[in-house]
Protein backbone atom coordinates (compact mmCIF):
# COMPACT_ATOMS: atom_id res chain seq x y z
CA UNK A 1 -4.18 -7.44 7.65
CA UNK A 2 -4.07 -10.24 5.12
CA UNK A 3 -3.68 -13.95 5.86
CA UNK A 4 -1.83 -16.44 3.72
CA UNK A 5 -3.01 -20.03 4.03
CA UNK A 6 -0.66 -22.95 3.44
CA UNK A 7 -1.84 -26.46 2.74
CA UNK A 8 0.28 -29.59 2.31
CA UNK A 9 -1.31 -32.21 0.10
CA UNK A 10 0.40 -35.60 -0.25
CA UNK A 11 -0.06 -37.64 -3.39
CA UNK A 12 -0.82 -36.91 -6.99
CA UNK A 13 -2.13 -33.95 -8.93
CA UNK A 14 -5.60 -35.44 -8.41
CA UNK A 15 -5.12 -35.16 -4.63
CA UNK A 16 -4.20 -31.51 -5.05
CA UNK A 17 -7.31 -30.85 -7.13
CA UNK A 18 -9.50 -32.66 -4.61
CA UNK A 19 -8.19 -30.45 -1.80
CA UNK A 20 -8.76 -27.25 -3.78
CA UNK A 21 -12.22 -28.39 -4.87
CA UNK A 22 -13.32 -28.24 -1.21
CA UNK A 23 -12.84 -24.49 -1.34
CA UNK A 24 -14.62 -24.18 -4.66
CA UNK A 25 -17.59 -26.18 -3.41
CA UNK A 26 -18.00 -23.66 -0.57
CA UNK A 27 -17.76 -20.67 -2.92
CA UNK A 28 -14.44 -19.52 -1.51
CA UNK A 29 -12.75 -17.40 -4.14
CA UNK A 30 -8.95 -17.30 -4.17
CA UNK A 31 -7.31 -13.92 -4.72
CA UNK A 32 -4.03 -15.58 -5.62
CA UNK A 33 -2.63 -19.10 -5.49
CA UNK A 34 0.76 -20.76 -5.84
CA UNK A 35 1.29 -24.51 -5.89
CA UNK A 36 4.45 -26.53 -6.22
CA UNK A 37 5.45 -30.12 -5.74
CA UNK A 38 8.09 -30.79 -3.09
CA UNK A 39 9.08 -34.43 -2.88
CA UNK A 40 5.90 -36.49 -2.64
CA UNK A 41 3.56 -33.65 -1.64
CA UNK A 42 2.22 -30.38 -2.97
CA UNK A 43 2.62 -27.12 -1.12
CA UNK A 44 -0.29 -24.81 -1.79
CA UNK A 45 -0.24 -21.16 -0.69
CA UNK A 46 -3.07 -18.75 -1.27
CA UNK A 47 -4.84 -15.61 -0.14
CA UNK A 48 -8.60 -15.20 0.07
CA UNK A 49 -10.87 -12.48 1.39
CA UNK A 50 -13.05 -15.20 2.94
CA UNK A 51 -10.61 -16.17 5.67
CA UNK A 52 -13.06 -17.39 8.34
CA UNK A 53 -15.04 -19.44 5.80
CA UNK A 54 -11.78 -20.99 4.64
CA UNK A 55 -10.83 -22.01 8.19
CA UNK A 56 -14.24 -23.58 8.80
CA UNK A 57 -14.11 -25.42 5.47
CA UNK A 58 -10.67 -26.87 6.19
CA UNK A 59 -11.75 -27.98 9.66
CA UNK A 60 -14.92 -29.64 8.35
CA UNK A 61 -12.92 -31.39 5.60
CA UNK A 62 -10.27 -32.44 8.17
CA UNK A 63 -7.50 -30.83 6.10
CA UNK A 64 -4.37 -29.74 7.95
CA UNK A 65 -3.32 -26.20 7.16
CA UNK A 66 -1.31 -23.33 8.57
CA UNK A 67 -1.76 -19.61 8.28
CA UNK A 68 0.23 -16.45 8.82
CA UNK A 69 -0.05 -12.70 8.47
CA UNK A 70 1.43 -11.33 5.29
CA UNK A 71 2.06 -7.78 4.22
CA UNK A 72 0.34 -6.57 1.06
CA UNK A 73 1.95 -3.55 -0.56
CA UNK A 74 0.41 -1.58 -3.39
CA UNK A 75 2.90 0.31 -5.50
CA UNK A 76 3.15 2.22 -8.72
CA UNK A 77 3.75 -0.12 -11.65
CA UNK A 78 7.20 0.88 -12.78
CA UNK A 79 10.60 -0.79 -12.88
CA UNK A 80 12.38 -1.26 -9.57
CA UNK A 81 9.46 -0.75 -7.19
CA UNK A 82 9.42 -4.31 -5.83
CA UNK A 83 13.22 -4.15 -5.41
CA UNK A 84 12.96 -0.81 -3.63
CA UNK A 85 10.41 -2.07 -1.11
CA UNK A 86 12.25 -5.35 -0.54
CA UNK A 87 15.60 -3.56 -0.13
CA UNK A 88 14.28 -1.09 2.41
CA UNK A 89 12.70 -3.84 4.48
CA UNK A 90 15.88 -5.94 4.31
CA UNK A 91 18.04 -2.92 5.24
CA UNK A 92 15.81 -2.44 8.31
CA UNK A 93 16.56 -6.01 9.42
CA UNK A 94 13.43 -7.71 8.08
CA UNK A 95 14.01 -11.17 6.64
CA UNK A 96 12.04 -11.90 3.46
CA UNK A 97 10.58 -15.41 3.49
CA UNK A 98 8.66 -15.08 0.23
CA UNK A 99 6.95 -12.68 -2.12
CA UNK A 100 4.59 -12.85 -5.09
CA UNK A 101 2.31 -10.71 -7.21
CA UNK A 102 -1.22 -10.42 -5.87
CA UNK A 103 -2.59 -8.40 -8.74
CA UNK A 104 -2.17 -5.59 -11.20
CA UNK A 105 -4.64 -2.90 -12.14
CA UNK A 106 -3.55 -0.19 -14.57
CA UNK A 107 -0.81 1.88 -12.99
CA UNK A 108 -0.80 -0.07 -9.69
CA UNK A 109 0.58 -3.44 -8.63
CA UNK A 110 -0.04 -5.32 -5.37
CA UNK A 111 2.58 -7.65 -3.92
CA UNK A 112 2.46 -10.05 -1.00
CA UNK A 113 5.52 -10.08 1.23
CA UNK A 114 6.00 -12.95 3.68
CA UNK A 115 8.33 -11.63 6.37
CA UNK A 116 9.71 -12.63 9.74
CA UNK A 117 8.68 -9.35 11.42
CA UNK A 118 5.32 -8.12 10.13
CA UNK A 119 5.13 -4.98 12.27
CA UNK A 120 8.61 -3.76 11.36
CA UNK A 121 8.05 -4.55 7.66
CA UNK A 122 4.75 -2.68 7.65
CA UNK A 123 6.31 0.36 9.29
CA UNK A 124 9.11 0.46 6.70
CA UNK A 125 6.83 -0.18 3.72
CA UNK A 126 4.34 2.48 4.77
CA UNK A 127 7.14 5.07 4.80
CA UNK A 128 7.88 4.56 1.11
CA UNK A 129 6.20 7.41 -0.76
CA UNK A 130 5.12 5.32 -3.79
CA UNK A 131 3.59 2.53 -1.69
CA UNK A 132 0.59 1.90 0.49
CA UNK A 133 0.12 -1.15 2.66
CA UNK A 134 -2.46 -3.12 4.58
């Protein structure tokens, strides 16, 4: 199981960098990160293998965050694979709340899927012959 952390940072780009620097100072490596400004705050989403260390760091720094389980699917790197996985989950009644590339290595790609029903999505994704999931 993989956890996605979400952090809301009000203020300027400097405020965003200050919040992320807390993780860096504690040697927490980010596997992937997405940041975007929404109104007067930044929304930061990321995945790290050091989940417990991240929680402790946020608590010590008094930073408010949320977290949720996300599905990571590894698939063959060829056209239409992401669409195939997303379509099969959607056809099974799973609502997609977000998705992004986690990484690419040669012939394989890994995607994060944020879904409303993790267990159902995992079951569907693990039935696709060209995919593996965690």
